[in-house]
Amino acid sequence: MSHYDGIGPRCPECGGPLVSFSTYQDRICNDCKQPQPWELKPGQQPLVTNNRDRRAK
């Protein structure tokens, strides 16, 4: 079963759609309610952050 089918990421447990919470960097399955980790790619900046961490020093 594909974890991404063009509609959005799918739950690896049941195949249901995942609801993304960018503030918490977490996803929860809409069907089985199991939380799934939302891993960032190496070097990827967090989606929600304080802009002070990106300023030049």
Protein backbone atom coordinates (compact mmCIF):
# COMPACT_ATOMS: atom_id res chain seq x y z
CA MET A 1 0.00 0.00 0.00
CA SER A 2 1.35 3.39 -0.97
CA HIS A 3 1.87 5.88 1.85
CA TYR A 4 1.23 8.75 -0.56
CA ASP A 5 -1.34 8.53 -3.34
CA GLY A 6 -1.58 12.13 -4.57
CA ILE A 7 -4.35 12.93 -2.08
CA GLY A 8 -2.12 12.99 0.98
CA PRO A 9 -0.08 10.73 3.21
CA ARG A 10 -1.75 7.53 4.39
CA CYS A 11 -1.54 5.72 7.71
CA PRO A 12 0.92 2.80 7.61
CA GLU A 13 -1.34 0.92 10.08
CA CYS A 14 -4.75 1.04 8.36
CA GLY A 15 -4.31 3.10 5.16
CA GLY A 16 -6.58 5.91 6.36
CA PRO A 17 -5.79 9.57 5.64
CA LEU A 18 -3.42 11.34 8.01
CA VAL A 19 -4.26 14.74 9.49
CA SER A 20 -1.13 16.89 9.81
CA PHE A 21 -0.49 19.19 12.77
CA SER A 22 2.46 21.34 11.68
CA THR A 23 2.64 23.15 15.02
CA TYR A 24 3.46 19.87 16.77
CA GLN A 25 5.19 18.17 13.80
CA ASP A 26 2.84 15.25 14.26
CA ARG A 27 0.23 13.42 12.20
CA ILE A 28 -2.81 11.50 13.42
CA CYS A 29 -4.80 8.97 11.41
CA ASN A 30 -8.36 10.08 10.76
CA ASP A 31 -9.60 6.46 10.91
CA CYS A 32 -7.69 4.56 13.63
CA LYS A 33 -6.54 7.70 15.58
CA GLN A 34 -2.96 6.40 15.86
CA PRO A 35 -0.31 9.17 16.00
CA GLN A 36 2.45 8.96 13.41
CA PRO A 37 5.78 10.78 13.62
CA TRP A 38 6.36 13.53 11.09
CA GLU A 39 10.07 13.27 10.35
CA LEU A 40 11.90 16.19 8.75
CA LYS A 41 14.35 15.56 5.94
CA PRO A 42 18.04 16.11 6.80
CA GLY A 43 18.71 19.85 6.84
CA GLN A 44 15.02 20.76 6.55
CA GLN A 45 13.93 23.70 8.71
CA PRO A 46 10.99 23.16 11.08
CA LEU A 47 7.69 24.40 9.66
CA VAL A 48 6.93 26.51 12.73
CA THR A 49 9.85 28.31 14.33
CA ASN A 50 10.94 31.56 15.88
CA ASN A 51 12.43 33.83 13.19
CA ARG A 52 15.29 34.75 15.54
CA ASP A 53 16.99 31.40 14.92
CA ARG A 54 17.42 32.31 11.23
CA ARG A 55 19.01 35.74 11.71
CA ALA A 56 22.65 36.26 10.87
CA LYS A 57 24.83 36.62 13.92
